[in-house]
Amino acid sequence: MEKNQILPAICAMVADDNQGVKMSTTLTDVKDDPRGAIVSFGVERESGSDAKLQLHGLPGKYMVCCFFIDKNELEKYKV
């Protein structure tokens, strides 16, 4: 899969049965960092355990990512 095909694939997964896509809007912490900022979200234990594996360079079940979505822009696309 090409890099630019990831978001369309995620959208198709959600539209199909929403299995395999997890989302959290539970913001737990934001810290300044020399690289920018560290933003922490609350997730269920399974996702946290998987993320810990990946933090240590081990393969995990999930692709862990974060989206910051402009709410005003989102309004233009809501159906």
Protein backbone atom coordinates (compact mmCIF):
# COMPACT_ATOMS: atom_id res chain seq x y z
CA MET A 1 0.00 0.00 0.00
CA GLU A 2 1.34 3.41 -0.92
CA LYS A 3 1.69 6.01 1.82
CA ASN A 4 -1.01 8.21 0.29
CA GLN A 5 -3.51 5.32 0.41
CA ILE A 6 -3.53 4.91 4.21
CA LEU A 7 -6.23 7.49 5.00
CA PRO A 8 -8.66 6.23 2.33
CA ALA A 9 -8.15 2.67 3.65
CA ILE A 10 -8.87 3.84 7.22
CA CYS A 11 -12.05 5.60 6.03
CA ALA A 12 -13.18 2.42 4.25
CA MET A 13 -12.56 0.36 7.42
CA VAL A 14 -14.70 2.76 9.46
CA ALA A 15 -17.48 2.82 6.85
CA ASP A 16 -17.47 -0.98 6.57
CA ASP A 17 -17.82 -2.14 10.16
CA ASN A 18 -15.58 0.14 12.26
CA GLN A 19 -13.56 -2.89 13.39
CA GLY A 20 -9.83 -2.34 13.66
CA VAL A 21 -9.99 1.43 14.13
CA LYS A 22 -9.83 2.83 17.65
CA MET A 23 -10.03 6.50 18.54
CA SER A 24 -9.53 8.41 21.75
CA THR A 25 -10.46 11.98 22.54
CA THR A 26 -9.44 11.59 26.19
CA LEU A 27 -6.55 14.03 26.49
CA THR A 28 -4.56 13.26 29.64
CA ASP A 29 -1.42 15.43 29.39
CA VAL A 30 0.54 17.85 27.22
CA LYS A 31 4.21 18.57 27.90
CA ASP A 32 6.72 20.81 26.16
CA ASP A 33 9.68 18.96 24.70
CA PRO A 34 12.78 20.15 22.83
CA ARG A 35 11.33 18.39 19.75
CA GLY A 36 7.95 20.18 20.09
CA ALA A 37 5.31 18.72 22.39
CA ILE A 38 4.32 15.38 23.87
CA VAL A 39 0.56 14.82 23.84
CA SER A 40 -0.88 11.92 25.86
CA PHE A 41 -4.25 10.22 25.35
CA GLY A 42 -6.16 7.76 27.50
CA VAL A 43 -6.78 4.41 25.78
CA GLU A 44 -7.85 0.92 26.85
CA ARG A 45 -5.15 -1.39 28.20
CA GLU A 46 -4.86 -3.48 25.02
CA SER A 47 -3.90 -0.41 22.99
CA GLY A 48 -1.51 0.79 25.68
CA SER A 49 0.24 -2.57 25.88
CA ASP A 50 0.61 -2.63 22.10
CA ALA A 51 2.02 0.90 22.08
CA LYS A 52 4.58 -0.06 24.76
CA LEU A 53 5.88 -2.84 22.52
CA GLN A 54 6.31 -0.41 19.66
CA LEU A 55 7.97 2.17 21.91
CA HIS A 56 10.69 -0.43 22.48
CA GLY A 57 11.03 -1.17 18.75
CA LEU A 58 9.01 -4.38 18.78
CA PRO A 59 6.26 -5.04 16.24
CA GLY A 60 2.69 -4.48 17.33
CA LYS A 61 -0.79 -5.26 16.09
CA TYR A 62 -1.78 -1.63 15.58
CA MET A 63 -0.42 1.31 13.62
CA VAL A 64 -0.30 3.96 16.32
CA CYS A 65 -0.84 7.49 15.05
CA CYS A 66 -2.37 10.79 16.08
CA PHE A 67 -4.49 13.23 14.08
CA PHE A 68 -5.13 16.85 14.92
CA ILE A 69 -8.23 17.86 12.96
CA ASP A 70 -9.19 21.48 12.35
CA LYS A 71 -12.82 21.62 13.58
CA ASN A 72 -13.76 24.48 11.25
CA GLU A 73 -12.43 22.58 8.23
CA LEU A 74 -14.21 19.41 9.39
CA GLU A 75 -17.57 21.21 9.36
CA LYS A 76 -17.23 21.67 5.57
CA TYR A 77 -17.11 17.87 5.10
CA LYS A 78 -19.77 16.67 7.53
CA VAL A 79 -22.73 15.05 5.84
